[in-house]
PDB file of N, CA and C in Angstrom:
ATOM      1  N   MET A   1     121.286  76.420 115.404  1.00  0.00           N
ATOM      2  CA  MET A   1     120.091  77.196 115.652  1.00  0.00           C
ATOM      3  C   MET A   1     120.376  78.661 115.315  1.00  0.00           C
ATOM      4  N   GLU A   2     119.392  79.322 114.746  1.00  0.00           N
ATOM      5  CA  GLU A   2     119.522  80.744 114.443  1.00  0.00           C
ATOM      6  C   GLU A   2     118.606  81.561 115.338  1.00  0.00           C
ATOM      7  N   TYR A   3     119.078  82.753 115.684  1.00  0.00           N
ATOM      8  CA  TYR A   3     118.339  83.672 116.536  1.00  0.00           C
ATOM      9  C   TYR A   3     118.152  84.980 115.781  1.00  0.00           C
ATOM     10  N   THR A   4     117.080  85.681 116.084  1.00  0.00           N
ATOM     11  CA  THR A   4     116.840  86.991 115.490  1.00  0.00           C
ATOM     12  C   THR A   4     117.139  88.038 116.550  1.00  0.00           C
ATOM     13  N   LEU A   5     118.090  88.906 116.254  1.00  0.00           N
ATOM     14  CA  LEU A   5     118.496  89.969 117.158  1.00  0.00           C
ATOM     15  C   LEU A   5     118.227  91.316 116.511  1.00  0.00           C
ATOM     16  N   LEU A   6     118.165  92.340 117.322  1.00  0.00           N
ATOM     17  CA  LEU A   6     118.019  93.705 116.837  1.00  0.00           C
ATOM     18  C   LEU A   6     119.400  94.352 116.873  1.00  0.00           C
ATOM     19  N   GLY A   7     119.819  94.930 115.773  1.00  0.00           N
ATOM     20  CA  GLY A   7     121.140  95.541 115.693  1.00  0.00           C
ATOM     21  C   GLY A   7     121.138  96.994 116.124  1.00  0.00           C
ATOM     22  N   PRO A   8     122.320  97.609 116.168  1.00  0.00           N
ATOM     23  CA  PRO A   8     122.448  99.014 116.560  1.00  0.00           C
ATOM     24  C   PRO A   8     121.631  99.961 115.684  1.00  0.00           C
ATOM     25  N   ASP A   9     121.361  99.543 114.458  1.00  0.00           N
ATOM     26  CA  ASP A   9     120.573 100.369 113.544  1.00  0.00           C
ATOM     27  C   ASP A   9     119.069 100.152 113.714  1.00  0.00           C
ATOM     28  N   GLY A  10     118.687  99.281 114.675  1.00  0.00           N
ATOM     29  CA  GLY A  10     117.279  99.007 114.916  1.00  0.00           C
ATOM     30  C   GLY A  10     116.662  97.993 113.979  1.00  0.00           C
ATOM     31  N   ARG A  11     117.482  97.374 113.130  1.00  0.00           N
ATOM     32  CA  ARG A  11     116.993  96.389 112.165  1.00  0.00           C
ATOM     33  C   ARG A  11     117.303  94.980 112.659  1.00  0.00           C
ATOM     34  N   SER A  12     116.418  94.057 112.356  1.00  0.00           N
ATOM     35  CA  SER A  12     116.600  92.660 112.737  1.00  0.00           C
ATOM     36  C   SER A  12     117.659  91.999 111.874  1.00  0.00           C
ATOM     37  N   TYR A  13     118.389  91.069 112.481  1.00  0.00           N
ATOM     38  CA  TYR A  13     119.350  90.261 111.735  1.00  0.00           C
ATOM     39  C   TYR A  13     119.436  88.885 112.369  1.00  0.00           C
ATOM     40  N   ARG A  14     119.905  87.913 111.605  1.00  0.00           N
ATOM     41  CA  ARG A  14     120.053  86.538 112.068  1.00  0.00           C
ATOM     42  C   ARG A  14     121.423  86.362 112.689  1.00  0.00           C
ATOM     43  N   SER A  15     121.465  85.581 113.779  1.00  0.00           N
ATOM     44  CA  SER A  15     122.719  85.324 114.472  1.00  0.00           C
ATOM     45  C   SER A  15     122.750  83.867 114.920  1.00  0.00           C
ATOM     46  N   SER A  16     123.930  83.280 114.920  1.00  0.00           N
ATOM     47  CA  SER A  16     124.069  81.924 115.440  1.00  0.00           C
ATOM     48  C   SER A  16     124.242  81.940 116.954  1.00  0.00           C
ATOM     49  N   THR A  17     124.427  83.129 117.522  1.00  0.00           N
ATOM     50  CA  THR A  17     124.584  83.312 118.956  1.00  0.00           C
ATOM     51  C   THR A  17     123.340  83.986 119.522  1.00  0.00           C
ATOM     52  N   PRO A  18     122.790  83.456 120.619  1.00  0.00           N
ATOM     53  CA  PRO A  18     121.604  84.101 121.189  1.00  0.00           C
ATOM     54  C   PRO A  18     121.932  85.462 121.793  1.00  0.00           C
ATOM     55  N   GLY A  19     120.930  86.289 121.949  1.00  0.00           N
ATOM     56  CA  GLY A  19     121.118  87.598 122.557  1.00  0.00           C
ATOM     57  C   GLY A  19     121.406  87.485 124.041  1.00  0.00           C
ATOM     58  N   THR A  20     122.050  88.502 124.582  1.00  0.00           N
ATOM     59  CA  THR A  20     122.351  88.536 126.011  1.00  0.00           C
ATOM     60  C   THR A  20     121.375  89.418 126.779  1.00  0.00           C
ATOM     61  N   LEU A  21     120.594  90.226 126.049  1.00  0.00           N
ATOM     62  CA  LEU A  21     119.619  91.131 126.657  1.00  0.00           C
ATOM     63  C   LEU A  21     118.303  91.037 125.907  1.00  0.00           C
ATOM     64  N   GLY A  22     117.223  91.270 126.631  1.00  0.00           N
ATOM     65  CA  GLY A  22     115.904  91.307 126.017  1.00  0.00           C
ATOM     66  C   GLY A  22     115.361  92.721 126.084  1.00  0.00           C
ATOM     67  N   GLY A  23     114.345  92.981 125.299  1.00  0.00           N
ATOM     68  CA  GLY A  23     113.753  94.302 125.307  1.00  0.00           C
ATOM     69  C   GLY A  23     112.299  94.268 124.888  1.00  0.00           C
ATOM     70  N   HIS A  24     111.661  95.407 125.017  1.00  0.00           N
ATOM     71  CA  HIS A  24     110.269  95.585 124.621  1.00  0.00           C
ATOM     72  C   HIS A  24     110.240  96.610 123.487  1.00  0.00           C
ATOM     73  N   ARG A  25     109.810  96.163 122.320  1.00  0.00           N
ATOM     74  CA  ARG A  25     109.848  97.005 121.116  1.00  0.00           C
ATOM     75  C   ARG A  25     109.044  98.292 121.268  1.00  0.00           C
ATOM     76  N   ARG A  26     107.871  98.242 121.838  1.00  0.00           N
ATOM     77  CA  ARG A  26     107.026  99.432 121.926  1.00  0.00           C
ATOM     78  C   ARG A  26     107.491 100.397 123.015  1.00  0.00           C
ATOM     79  N   LEU A  27     107.927  99.857 124.151  1.00  0.00           N
ATOM     80  CA  LEU A  27     108.375 100.719 125.249  1.00  0.00           C
ATOM     81  C   LEU A  27     109.836 101.157 125.102  1.00  0.00           C
ATOM     82  N   ARG A  28     110.565 100.477 124.233  1.00  0.00           N
ATOM     83  CA  ARG A  28     111.975 100.772 123.951  1.00  0.00           C
ATOM     84  C   ARG A  28     112.815 100.690 125.228  1.00  0.00           C
ATOM     85  N   ILE A  29     112.627  99.574 125.956  1.00  0.00           N
ATOM     86  CA  ILE A  29     113.361  99.277 127.181  1.00  0.00           C
ATOM     87  C   ILE A  29     114.161  98.002 126.946  1.00  0.00           C
ATOM     88  N   TYR A  30     115.375  97.933 127.489  1.00  0.00           N
ATOM     89  CA  TYR A  30     116.139  96.691 127.448  1.00  0.00           C
ATOM     90  C   TYR A  30     116.563  96.305 128.860  1.00  0.00           C
ATOM     91  N   GLY A  31     116.783  95.017 129.064  1.00  0.00           N
ATOM     92  CA  GLY A  31     117.227  94.531 130.365  1.00  0.00           C
ATOM     93  C   GLY A  31     117.707  93.093 130.283  1.00  0.00           C
ATOM     94  N   ARG A  32     118.033  92.558 131.448  1.00  0.00           N
ATOM     95  CA  ARG A  32     118.526  91.185 131.531  1.00  0.00           C
ATOM     96  C   ARG A  32     117.426  90.199 131.132  1.00  0.00           C
ATOM     97  N   LEU A  33     117.830  89.044 130.652  1.00  0.00           N
ATOM     98  CA  LEU A  33     116.861  88.022 130.268  1.00  0.00           C
ATOM     99  C   LEU A  33     116.126  87.449 131.472  1.00  0.00           C
ATOM    100  N   ASP A  34     116.716  87.564 132.659  1.00  0.00           N
ATOM    101  CA  ASP A  34     116.073  87.063 133.873  1.00  0.00           C
ATOM    102  C   ASP A  34     115.421  88.184 134.693  1.00  0.00           C
ATOM    103  N   CYS A  35     115.139  89.304 134.076  1.00  0.00           N
ATOM    104  CA  CYS A  35     114.532  90.444 134.765  1.00  0.00           C
ATOM    105  C   CYS A  35     113.184  90.043 135.365  1.00  0.00           C
ATOM    106  N   PRO A  36     112.993  90.269 136.672  1.00  0.00           N
ATOM    107  CA  PRO A  36     111.726  89.919 137.301  1.00  0.00           C
ATOM    108  C   PRO A  36     110.513  90.621 136.672  1.00  0.00           C
ATOM    109  N   ALA A  37     110.671  91.880 136.309  1.00  0.00           N
ATOM    110  CA  ALA A  37     109.559  92.621 135.708  1.00  0.00           C
ATOM    111  C   ALA A  37     109.187  92.034 134.348  1.00  0.00           C
ATOM    112  N   ALA A  38     110.171  91.713 133.532  1.00  0.00           N
ATOM    113  CA  ALA A  38     109.900  91.133 132.218  1.00  0.00           C
ATOM    114  C   ALA A  38     109.296  89.743 132.351  1.00  0.00           C
ATOM    115  N   LEU A  39     109.805  88.952 133.274  1.00  0.00           N
ATOM    116  CA  LEU A  39     109.270  87.603 133.472  1.00  0.00           C
ATOM    117  C   LEU A  39     107.814  87.646 133.945  1.00  0.00           C
ATOM    118  N   ARG A  40     107.477  88.604 134.816  1.00  0.00           N
ATOM    119  CA  ARG A  40     106.078  88.770 135.250  1.00  0.00           C
ATOM    120  C   ARG A  40     105.196  89.146 134.062  1.00  0.00           C
ATOM    121  N   ALA A  41     105.669  90.096 133.251  1.00  0.00           N
ATOM    122  CA  ALA A  41     104.887  90.531 132.088  1.00  0.00           C
ATOM    123  C   ALA A  41     104.696  89.385 131.100  1.00  0.00           C
ATOM    124  N   LEU A  42     105.740  88.602 130.886  1.00  0.00           N
ATOM    125  CA  LEU A  42     105.631  87.460 129.975  1.00  0.00           C
ATOM    126  C   LEU A  42     104.639  86.425 130.500  1.00  0.00           C
ATOM    127  N   SER A  43     104.628  86.207 131.809  1.00  0.00           N
ATOM    128  CA  SER A  43     103.715  85.216 132.379  1.00  0.00           C
ATOM    129  C   SER A  43     102.252  85.655 132.274  1.00  0.00           C
ATOM    130  N   ARG A  44     102.002  86.956 132.206  1.00  0.00           N
ATOM    131  CA  ARG A  44     100.633  87.470 132.046  1.00  0.00           C
ATOM    132  C   ARG A  44     100.172  87.418 130.596  1.00  0.00           C
ATOM    133  N   GLY A  45     101.103  87.232 129.670  1.00  0.00           N
ATOM    134  CA  GLY A  45     100.758  87.165 128.250  1.00  0.00           C
ATOM    135  C   GLY A  45     100.755  88.539 127.601  1.00  0.00           C
ATOM    136  N   GLY A  46     100.773  88.555 126.284  1.00  0.00           N
ATOM    137  CA  GLY A  46     100.720  89.812 125.548  1.00  0.00           C
ATOM    138  C   GLY A  46     102.060  90.461 125.300  1.00  0.00           C
ATOM    139  N   TYR A  47     102.990  90.297 126.196  1.00  0.00           N
ATOM    140  CA  TYR A  47     104.299  90.944 126.094  1.00  0.00           C
ATOM    141  C   TYR A  47     105.192  90.275 125.046  1.00  0.00           C
ATOM    142  N   ALA A  48     105.038  88.980 124.872  1.00  0.00           N
ATOM    143  CA  ALA A  48     105.946  88.206 124.009  1.00  0.00           C
ATOM    144  C   ALA A  48     105.988  88.733 122.572  1.00  0.00           C
ATOM    145  N   ARG A  49     104.884  89.216 122.068  1.00  0.00           N
ATOM    146  CA  ARG A  49     104.881  89.682 120.668  1.00  0.00           C
ATOM    147  C   ARG A  49     105.698  90.956 120.460  1.00  0.00           C
ATOM    148  N   HIS A  50     106.012  91.654 121.547  1.00  0.00           N
ATOM    149  CA  HIS A  50     106.808  92.877 121.461  1.00  0.00           C
ATOM    150  C   HIS A  50     108.261  92.660 121.900  1.00  0.00           C
ATOM    151  N   ARG A  51     108.612  91.424 122.191  1.00  0.00           N
ATOM    152  CA  ARG A  51     109.934  91.088 122.719  1.00  0.00           C
ATOM    153  C   ARG A  51     110.970  91.140 121.609  1.00  0.00           C
ATOM    154  N   VAL A  52     112.102  91.762 121.900  1.00  0.00           N
ATOM    155  CA  VAL A  52     113.250  91.801 121.000  1.00  0.00           C
ATOM    156  C   VAL A  52     114.483  91.390 121.802  1.00  0.00           C
ATOM    157  N   PHE A  53     115.554  91.056 121.098  1.00  0.00           N
ATOM    158  CA  PHE A  53     116.781  90.617 121.751  1.00  0.00           C
ATOM    159  C   PHE A  53     117.976  91.351 121.169  1.00  0.00           C
ATOM    160  N   PHE A  54     118.970  91.575 122.009  1.00  0.00           N
ATOM    161  CA  PHE A  54     120.177  92.293 121.620  1.00  0.00           C
ATOM    162  C   PHE A  54     121.409  91.467 121.937  1.00  0.00           C
ATOM    163  N   ALA A  55     122.432  91.624 121.125  1.00  0.00           N
ATOM    164  CA  ALA A  55     123.702  90.944 121.374  1.00  0.00           C
ATOM    165  C   ALA A  55     124.388  91.515 122.607  1.00  0.00           C
ATOM    166  N   ASP A  56     124.244  92.831 122.811  1.00  0.00           N
ATOM    167  CA  ASP A  56     124.933  93.485 123.931  1.00  0.00           C
ATOM    168  C   ASP A  56     124.274  94.828 124.236  1.00  0.00           C
ATOM    169  N   GLU A  57     124.711  95.431 125.336  1.00  0.00           N
ATOM    170  CA  GLU A  57     124.133  96.706 125.772  1.00  0.00           C
ATOM    171  C   GLU A  57     124.396  97.826 124.767  1.00  0.00           C
ATOM    172  N   ARG A  58     125.566  97.832 124.180  1.00  0.00           N
ATOM    173  CA  ARG A  58     125.915  98.872 123.205  1.00  0.00           C
ATOM    174  C   ARG A  58     124.918  98.884 122.040  1.00  0.00           C
ATOM    175  N   SER A  59     124.548  97.703 121.568  1.00  0.00           N
ATOM    176  CA  SER A  59     123.585  97.608 120.468  1.00  0.00           C
ATOM    177  C   SER A  59     122.209  98.112 120.895  1.00  0.00           C
ATOM    178  N   ALA A  60     121.795  97.780 122.114  1.00  0.00           N
ATOM    179  CA  ALA A  60     120.490  98.221 122.606  1.00  0.00           C
ATOM    180  C   ALA A  60     120.428  99.745 122.700  1.00  0.00           C
ATOM    181  N   ILE A  61     121.466 100.338 123.247  1.00  0.00           N
ATOM    182  CA  ILE A  61     121.510 101.795 123.384  1.00  0.00           C
ATOM    183  C   ILE A  61     121.541 102.465 122.018  1.00  0.00           C
ATOM    184  N   ALA A  62     122.361 101.943 121.111  1.00  0.00           N
ATOM    185  CA  ALA A  62     122.459 102.522 119.765  1.00  0.00           C
ATOM    186  C   ALA A  62     121.131 102.435 119.020  1.00  0.00           C
ATOM    187  N   ALA A  63     120.342 101.402 119.312  1.00  0.00           N
ATOM    188  CA  ALA A  63     119.043 101.235 118.658  1.00  0.00           C
ATOM    189  C   ALA A  63     117.978 102.131 119.291  1.00  0.00           C
ATOM    190  N   GLY A  64     118.342 102.875 120.338  1.00  0.00           N
ATOM    191  CA  GLY A  64     117.423 103.820 120.944  1.00  0.00           C
ATOM    192  C   GLY A  64     116.644 103.298 122.138  1.00  0.00           C
ATOM    193  N   TYR A  65     117.119 102.218 122.747  1.00  0.00           N
ATOM    194  CA  TYR A  65     116.455 101.641 123.908  1.00  0.00           C
ATOM    195  C   TYR A  65     117.101 102.155 125.186  1.00  0.00           C
ATOM    196  N   ARG A  66     116.309 102.204 126.269  1.00  0.00           N
ATOM    197  CA  ARG A  66     116.815 102.653 127.559  1.00  0.00           C
ATOM    198  C   ARG A  66     116.894 101.468 128.511  1.00  0.00           C
ATOM    199  N   PRO A  67     117.715 101.580 129.565  1.00  0.00           N
ATOM    200  CA  PRO A  67     117.838 100.482 130.530  1.00  0.00           C
ATOM    201  C   PRO A  67     116.561 100.309 131.361  1.00  0.00           C
ATOM    202  N   CYS A  68     116.321  99.093 131.782  1.00  0.00           N
ATOM    203  CA  CYS A  68     115.200  98.755 132.653  1.00  0.00           C
ATOM    204  C   CYS A  68     115.477  99.280 134.061  1.00  0.00           C
ATOM    205  N   ALA A  69     114.481  99.875 134.682  1.00  0.00           N
ATOM    206  CA  ALA A  69     114.626 100.412 136.032  1.00  0.00           C
ATOM    207  C   ALA A  69     114.640  99.321 137.091  1.00  0.00           C
ATOM    208  N   VAL A  70     114.206  98.112 136.752  1.00  0.00           N
ATOM    209  CA  VAL A  70     114.150  97.022 137.721  1.00  0.00           C
ATOM    210  C   VAL A  70     115.460  96.230 137.744  1.00  0.00           C
ATOM    211  N   CYS A  71     115.889  95.714 136.612  1.00  0.00           N
ATOM    212  CA  CYS A  71     117.055  94.823 136.593  1.00  0.00           C
ATOM    213  C   CYS A  71     118.368  95.533 136.263  1.00  0.00           C
ATOM    214  N   SER A  72     118.299  96.748 135.791  1.00  0.00           N
ATOM    215  CA  SER A  72     119.510  97.518 135.445  1.00  0.00           C
ATOM    216  C   SER A  72     119.443  98.877 136.132  1.00  0.00           C
ATOM    217  N   ARG A  73     119.224  98.837 137.420  1.00  0.00           N
ATOM    218  CA  ARG A  73     118.947 100.045 138.195  1.00  0.00           C
ATOM    219  C   ARG A  73     120.030 101.120 138.055  1.00  0.00           C
ATOM    220  N   ALA A  74     121.299 100.747 138.162  1.00  0.00           N
ATOM    221  CA  ALA A  74     122.388 101.737 138.072  1.00  0.00           C
ATOM    222  C   ALA A  74     122.423 102.378 136.680  1.00  0.00           C
ATOM    223  N   ALA A  75     122.306 101.558 135.643  1.00  0.00           N
ATOM    224  CA  ALA A  75     122.306 102.091 134.277  1.00  0.00           C
ATOM    225  C   ALA A  75     121.084 102.971 134.042  1.00  0.00           C
ATOM    226  N   TYR A  76     119.944 102.587 134.637  1.00  0.00           N
ATOM    227  CA  TYR A  76     118.733 103.391 134.499  1.00  0.00           C
ATOM    228  C   TYR A  76     118.918 104.762 135.158  1.00  0.00           C
ATOM    229  N   ARG A  77     119.484 104.780 136.363  1.00  0.00           N
ATOM    230  CA  ARG A  77     119.722 106.063 137.046  1.00  0.00           C
ATOM    231  C   ARG A  77     120.636 106.956 136.220  1.00  0.00           C
ATOM    232  N   GLU A  78     121.672 106.382 135.669  1.00  0.00           N
ATOM    233  CA  GLU A  78     122.599 107.139 134.819  1.00  0.00           C
ATOM    234  C   GLU A  78     121.861 107.679 133.593  1.00  0.00           C
ATOM    235  N   TRP A  79     121.035 106.849 132.986  1.00  0.00           N
ATOM    236  CA  TRP A  79     120.253 107.276 131.817  1.00  0.00           C
ATOM    237  C   TRP A  79     119.324 108.441 132.193  1.00  0.00           C
ATOM    238  N   ARG A  80     118.667 108.341 133.363  1.00  0.00           N
ATOM    239  CA  ARG A  80     117.761 109.397 133.816  1.00  0.00           C
ATOM    240  C   ARG A  80     118.472 110.737 133.946  1.00  0.00           C
ATOM    241  N   VAL A  81     119.683 110.703 134.458  1.00  0.00           N
ATOM    242  CA  VAL A  81     120.455 111.943 134.662  1.00  0.00           C
ATOM    243  C   VAL A  81     120.834 112.569 133.326  1.00  0.00           C
ATOM    244  N   HIS A  82     121.247 111.744 132.358  1.00  0.00           N
ATOM    245  CA  HIS A  82     121.780 112.274 131.101  1.00  0.00           C
ATOM    246  C   HIS A  82     120.767 112.366 129.962  1.00  0.00           C
ATOM    247  N   ASP A  83     119.880 111.380 129.872  1.00  0.00           N
ATOM    248  CA  ASP A  83     118.994 111.307 128.702  1.00  0.00           C
ATOM    249  C   ASP A  83     117.519 111.352 129.027  1.00  0.00           C
ATOM    250  N   GLY A  84     117.142 110.990 130.237  1.00  0.00           N
ATOM    251  CA  GLY A  84     115.735 110.877 130.614  1.00  0.00           C
ATOM    252  C   GLY A  84     115.090 112.227 130.848  1.00  0.00           C
ATOM    253  N   ASN A  85     113.846 112.158 131.227  1.00  0.00           N
ATOM    254  CA  ASN A  85     113.073 113.384 131.469  1.00  0.00           C
ATOM    255  C   ASN A  85     113.242 113.859 132.883  1.00  0.00           C
TER     256      ASN A  85
END
């Protein structure tokens, strides 16, 4: 099976290994695949078309995504201090 992941350069690529993190393309947020906030949004519909996947956190950050405040609270707080508004 092949998976489409987003690389550090923000470009899609094919991988034989699934991503470990999911994200929202328009909001530029990444988080765990079991994130309660993402799962709620997916169940309401509309979110799936903006869903992207990353091999790891380093790739998500390099692609310009920020941590989710719900499932990655510590990383989000750190991001807020250094990079956020």
